[in-house]
Amino acid sequence: MNKRYRFFFLFLFIFFGTILPAQELPDDMPKIFYKNEKTAGIYLNSNGWGLSYRYGSRINYFEKKIYDIDFSIIKHAKEIKSTSSFLTSESFIFGKLNHVFDLRFGYGKQNEIFPKKNPGSVAIRYFYSIGPSIALQKPIYYKILTPVNDSVYIEREEKFNPVIHSSGDIRGKASFFTGIDEIGIIPGAFIKTGFNVEFSQSENIIHTLEAGFMVQAYLKNLDLMAVDDNQQFLFVLFLSYRFGKIINAQDISEDFYKRRKKKFKLF
């Protein structure tokens, strides 16, 4: 198993193994019925990192509809930084063909497993979402030095070609905006699921740690590197931190809460 995956599963085992046994189910009526929420997040994936925005619309005390917009940078497992041999400090990833950015629009649900007993405790939830995904591929241009004679070189900006280019030919990367008009679009779809732990000390502020996995599928391979194992289907582990606020909070009665406890049979 890949070392990154082993570390990820070990983290999940320790993190949730520590929290779950200590979580007490609420005996008291919560003061606020959290109706809706807005959060932003930053997350680490097993193949990159990204940013996220989520709007949560409360269905009842235990369920919520979630609407996600995620933007991430996708990396290949074989990406290794190299340094130019031409006495410069510029670095580059040898063999990389494209920057790949992923834009996802998700719809799903979040369900409360253990609600918060008070603002100082934690809530544990599971969630899932599904939706379309758009991969944007922007070609990478390199500063290639071509010898004219033993002491004179001509610098050109070219895409990487594994047939004619070696690491010794590359002085560094060209500007990110070189090739911006050549962006390609690859449609796809995704499904993700996981758990989160909300640990805010305030009733109106949200601080959450979230972990899970995601499956992504595209209409063709993502051309990240000049290798044979670029993939069309991706299995991704993720860990994220989310923060935001409660909106449209409203009071609920103790009778309402007791009816919900009986209906869902969680206590």
Protein backbone atom coordinates (compact mmCIF):
# COMPACT_ATOMS: atom_id res chain seq x y z
CA MET A 1 0.00 0.00 0.00
CA ASN A 2 1.24 3.52 -0.81
CA LYS A 3 2.90 5.22 2.18
CA ARG A 4 0.57 8.22 1.93
CA TYR A 5 -2.48 5.95 2.21
CA ARG A 6 -1.04 4.08 5.20
CA PHE A 7 -0.39 7.37 7.00
CA PHE A 8 -3.89 8.61 6.18
CA PHE A 9 -5.67 5.51 7.50
CA LEU A 10 -3.48 5.54 10.63
CA PHE A 11 -4.49 9.17 11.26
CA LEU A 12 -8.19 8.32 10.87
CA PHE A 13 -7.91 5.37 13.25
CA ILE A 14 -6.21 7.44 15.96
CA PHE A 15 -8.35 10.56 15.48
CA PHE A 16 -11.80 8.97 15.45
CA GLY A 17 -10.78 6.21 17.86
CA THR A 18 -9.95 8.91 20.41
CA ILE A 19 -13.08 11.01 19.92
CA LEU A 20 -15.87 8.46 19.45
CA PRO A 21 -15.65 6.67 22.81
CA ALA A 22 -15.45 9.96 24.68
CA GLN A 23 -18.48 11.53 23.01
CA GLU A 24 -21.52 11.65 25.27
CA LEU A 25 -24.99 11.81 23.82
CA PRO A 26 -26.91 14.95 24.82
CA ASP A 27 -29.39 14.75 27.67
CA ASP A 28 -30.30 18.41 27.64
CA MET A 29 -32.26 20.46 25.18
CA PRO A 30 -29.96 22.47 22.87
CA LYS A 31 -30.55 26.19 22.93
CA ILE A 32 -30.42 26.78 19.19
CA PHE A 33 -31.84 24.96 16.19
CA TYR A 34 -29.11 25.38 13.57
CA LYS A 35 -31.04 26.04 10.40
CA ASN A 36 -28.43 26.87 7.73
CA GLU A 37 -24.69 27.35 7.56
CA LYS A 38 -21.93 28.66 5.30
CA THR A 39 -18.37 27.33 5.46
CA ALA A 40 -15.12 27.60 3.57
CA GLY A 41 -12.43 24.96 3.68
CA ILE A 42 -8.91 24.05 2.73
CA TYR A 43 -8.05 20.43 2.21
CA LEU A 44 -5.20 18.08 1.43
CA ASN A 45 -5.80 15.28 -1.04
CA SER A 46 -3.70 12.21 -1.67
CA ASN A 47 -3.10 13.73 -5.13
CA GLY A 48 -2.96 17.47 -4.41
CA TRP A 49 -4.75 20.19 -2.44
CA GLY A 50 -7.68 22.56 -2.84
CA LEU A 51 -10.22 25.05 -1.55
CA SER A 52 -13.93 24.60 -0.93
CA TYR A 53 -17.16 26.48 -0.25
CA ARG A 54 -20.24 24.81 1.24
CA TYR A 55 -23.79 25.94 1.91
CA GLY A 56 -25.81 23.74 4.25
CA SER A 57 -29.61 23.91 4.38
CA ARG A 58 -31.21 22.27 7.41
CA ILE A 59 -33.95 19.70 6.72
CA ASN A 60 -34.52 18.84 10.37
CA TYR A 61 -32.43 18.69 13.54
CA PHE A 62 -30.41 15.71 12.27
CA GLU A 63 -30.28 16.17 8.49
CA LYS A 64 -29.00 18.86 6.18
CA LYS A 65 -28.74 19.35 2.42
CA ILE A 66 -25.26 20.42 1.34
CA TYR A 67 -24.15 22.27 -1.79
CA ASP A 68 -20.40 22.25 -2.50
CA ILE A 69 -18.10 24.11 -4.86
CA ASP A 70 -14.55 22.73 -4.80
CA PHE A 71 -11.44 23.82 -6.67
CA SER A 72 -8.33 21.67 -6.50
CA ILE A 73 -4.92 21.16 -8.04
CA ILE A 74 -4.29 17.59 -9.20
CA LYS A 75 -0.76 16.20 -9.08
CA HIS A 76 0.80 12.97 -10.32
CA ALA A 77 2.45 10.57 -7.89
CA LYS A 78 5.68 10.64 -9.94
CA GLU A 79 6.19 14.41 -9.76
CA ILE A 80 9.72 15.16 -8.52
CA LYS A 81 11.24 18.62 -8.49
CA SER A 82 14.50 19.13 -10.35
CA THR A 83 16.89 22.07 -10.49
CA SER A 84 18.38 23.52 -13.64
CA SER A 85 21.99 22.63 -14.38
CA PHE A 86 22.61 26.10 -15.84
CA LEU A 87 23.66 27.74 -12.55
CA THR A 88 20.20 29.13 -11.81
CA SER A 89 17.95 28.62 -8.83
CA GLU A 90 14.91 27.78 -10.94
CA SER A 91 13.20 24.46 -10.26
CA PHE A 92 10.83 22.43 -12.43
CA ILE A 93 9.18 19.02 -12.55
CA PHE A 94 10.89 17.03 -15.28
CA GLY A 95 8.42 15.35 -17.60
CA LYS A 96 5.34 17.29 -16.52
CA LEU A 97 3.08 18.14 -19.46
CA ASN A 98 0.16 20.05 -17.98
CA HIS A 99 -1.08 21.85 -14.92
CA VAL A 100 -4.44 20.20 -14.10
CA PHE A 101 -7.10 22.07 -12.11
CA ASP A 102 -10.36 20.46 -11.08
CA LEU A 103 -13.66 22.29 -10.52
CA ARG A 104 -16.47 20.32 -8.86
CA PHE A 105 -20.12 21.10 -8.10
CA GLY A 106 -21.66 18.76 -5.53
CA TYR A 107 -25.03 18.10 -3.98
CA GLY A 108 -25.61 15.76 -1.06
CA LYS A 109 -26.62 15.32 2.57
CA GLN A 110 -25.05 15.52 5.99
CA ASN A 111 -26.47 13.52 8.90
CA GLU A 112 -25.82 14.06 12.58
CA ILE A 113 -24.58 10.96 14.43
CA PHE A 114 -23.78 12.53 17.81
CA PRO A 115 -25.14 16.10 18.31
CA LYS A 116 -23.33 18.57 20.54
CA LYS A 117 -24.34 18.47 24.18
CA ASN A 118 -23.13 22.04 24.71
CA PRO A 119 -20.90 24.55 22.87
CA GLY A 120 -17.79 23.06 24.48
CA SER A 121 -18.41 19.50 23.22
CA VAL A 122 -18.16 18.04 19.71
CA ALA A 123 -20.65 16.88 17.09
CA ILE A 124 -19.90 13.94 14.79
CA ARG A 125 -21.54 13.66 11.37
CA TYR A 126 -21.27 11.72 8.14
CA PHE A 127 -21.87 13.18 4.71
CA TYR A 128 -21.93 12.31 1.03
CA SER A 129 -22.22 14.28 -2.21
CA ILE A 130 -22.18 13.70 -5.96
CA GLY A 131 -21.97 15.92 -9.00
CA PRO A 132 -20.18 17.02 -12.19
CA SER A 133 -16.46 17.66 -12.38
CA ILE A 134 -14.50 19.73 -14.91
CA ALA A 135 -10.75 19.21 -15.34
CA LEU A 136 -8.83 22.11 -16.88
CA GLN A 137 -5.51 21.20 -18.52
CA LYS A 138 -3.07 24.06 -19.15
CA PRO A 139 0.09 23.15 -21.09
CA ILE A 140 3.43 23.84 -19.41
CA TYR A 141 6.13 25.61 -21.39
CA TYR A 142 9.81 25.30 -20.50
CA LYS A 143 12.83 27.47 -21.20
CA ILE A 144 14.83 25.17 -23.47
CA LEU A 145 18.46 26.01 -24.24
CA THR A 146 19.63 24.88 -27.68
CA PRO A 147 23.38 25.05 -28.42
CA VAL A 148 24.53 27.02 -31.46
CA ASN A 149 28.18 26.22 -30.79
CA ASP A 150 30.32 25.25 -27.80
CA SER A 151 29.77 28.58 -26.03
CA VAL A 152 26.52 30.02 -27.43
CA TYR A 153 22.99 28.87 -26.60
CA ILE A 154 19.60 30.02 -27.86
CA GLU A 155 16.71 29.99 -25.39
CA ARG A 156 13.28 28.99 -26.64
CA GLU A 157 9.97 28.40 -24.86
CA GLU A 158 8.69 24.95 -25.76
CA LYS A 159 6.41 22.23 -24.44
CA PHE A 160 8.16 19.21 -23.04
CA ASN A 161 8.89 16.52 -25.60
CA PRO A 162 10.24 13.27 -24.10
CA VAL A 163 11.77 12.28 -27.45
CA ILE A 164 14.10 15.27 -27.80
CA HIS A 165 14.36 16.94 -24.38
CA SER A 166 16.48 15.92 -21.40
CA SER A 167 16.78 17.51 -17.96
CA GLY A 168 20.06 19.09 -19.06
CA ASP A 169 18.27 21.08 -21.79
CA ILE A 170 15.87 22.84 -19.40
CA ARG A 171 16.76 26.15 -17.79
CA GLY A 172 13.42 26.49 -15.97
CA LYS A 173 9.70 27.03 -16.50
CA ALA A 174 8.26 29.75 -18.70
CA SER A 175 5.61 32.11 -17.35
CA PHE A 176 2.45 30.43 -16.09
CA PHE A 177 0.47 32.50 -18.59
CA THR A 178 2.35 31.09 -21.56
CA GLY A 179 -0.09 28.65 -23.17
CA ILE A 180 -3.11 30.00 -21.25
CA ASP A 181 -5.03 30.15 -24.55
CA GLU A 182 -4.48 26.40 -25.02
CA ILE A 183 -6.43 25.25 -21.97
CA GLY A 184 -8.32 22.03 -22.59
CA ILE A 185 -11.51 20.94 -20.82
CA ILE A 186 -12.19 17.33 -19.78
CA PRO A 187 -15.69 16.69 -18.35
CA GLY A 188 -16.18 14.18 -15.56
CA ALA A 189 -18.09 13.31 -12.41
CA PHE A 190 -17.34 12.48 -8.79
CA ILE A 191 -18.79 10.99 -5.64
CA LYS A 192 -17.38 11.54 -2.15
CA THR A 193 -18.21 10.58 1.39
CA GLY A 194 -16.71 10.93 4.83
CA PHE A 195 -17.06 12.05 8.45
CA ASN A 196 -16.57 15.37 10.13
CA VAL A 197 -16.11 16.54 13.71
CA GLU A 198 -17.40 20.02 14.65
CA PHE A 199 -15.60 21.39 17.72
CA SER A 200 -16.40 25.12 17.86
CA GLN A 201 -16.73 26.75 21.30
CA SER A 202 -19.44 29.09 19.97
CA GLU A 203 -23.05 28.36 18.99
CA ASN A 204 -22.82 30.57 15.89
CA ILE A 205 -19.32 29.73 14.63
CA ILE A 206 -18.21 26.52 12.92
CA HIS A 207 -14.81 24.81 13.14
CA THR A 208 -14.69 21.35 11.59
CA LEU A 209 -12.19 18.63 10.74
CA GLU A 210 -13.32 16.44 7.87
CA ALA A 211 -11.92 13.24 6.37
CA GLY A 212 -13.06 10.76 3.75
CA PHE A 213 -12.54 9.50 0.23
CA MET A 214 -13.65 10.47 -3.27
CA VAL A 215 -13.89 8.69 -6.63
CA GLN A 216 -13.43 10.81 -9.76
CA ALA A 217 -14.02 9.74 -13.37
CA TYR A 218 -13.25 11.66 -16.58
CA LEU A 219 -13.99 11.10 -20.26
CA LYS A 220 -10.28 10.51 -20.94
CA ASN A 221 -6.93 10.32 -19.16
CA LEU A 222 -5.56 13.42 -17.46
CA ASP A 223 -2.25 14.16 -19.22
CA LEU A 224 -0.20 15.19 -16.21
CA MET A 225 3.15 13.60 -17.02
CA ALA A 226 4.99 12.12 -20.00
CA VAL A 227 4.45 8.60 -18.62
CA ASP A 228 2.20 5.65 -19.40
CA ASP A 229 0.21 5.65 -16.15
CA ASN A 230 -1.84 8.86 -16.49
CA GLN A 231 -5.29 7.93 -15.27
CA GLN A 232 -8.92 8.47 -16.18
CA PHE A 233 -10.31 7.20 -12.87
CA LEU A 234 -8.98 8.51 -9.55
CA PHE A 235 -9.42 7.24 -5.99
CA VAL A 236 -8.64 10.12 -3.64
CA LEU A 237 -8.31 10.37 0.15
CA PHE A 238 -8.80 13.79 1.70
CA LEU A 239 -8.46 15.64 4.98
CA SER A 240 -9.83 19.16 5.40
CA TYR A 241 -10.36 21.96 7.88
CA ARG A 242 -13.59 23.95 7.49
CA PHE A 243 -14.65 27.19 9.16
CA GLY A 244 -17.74 29.35 8.86
CA LYS A 245 -20.88 30.52 10.60
CA ILE A 246 -24.48 29.62 11.37
CA ILE A 247 -27.14 31.65 9.59
CA ASN A 248 -30.87 31.89 10.28
CA ALA A 249 -30.63 30.20 13.70
CA GLN A 250 -33.93 29.79 15.50
CA ASP A 251 -35.20 28.48 18.84
CA ILE A 252 -36.99 25.16 19.14
CA SER A 253 -39.12 23.76 21.88
CA GLU A 254 -38.21 20.88 24.18
CA ASP A 255 -41.28 18.95 22.94
CA PHE A 256 -40.01 19.18 19.36
CA TYR A 257 -36.60 17.86 20.40
CA LYS A 258 -38.09 14.95 22.34
CA ARG A 259 -40.22 13.96 19.33
CA ARG A 260 -37.12 13.96 17.14
CA LYS A 261 -35.22 11.80 19.63
CA LYS A 262 -38.00 9.24 19.59
CA LYS A 263 -38.38 9.29 15.79
CA PHE A 264 -34.71 8.74 14.99
CA LYS A 265 -34.13 6.38 17.93
CA LEU A 266 -30.60 7.63 18.49
CA PHE A 267 -30.76 7.75 22.28
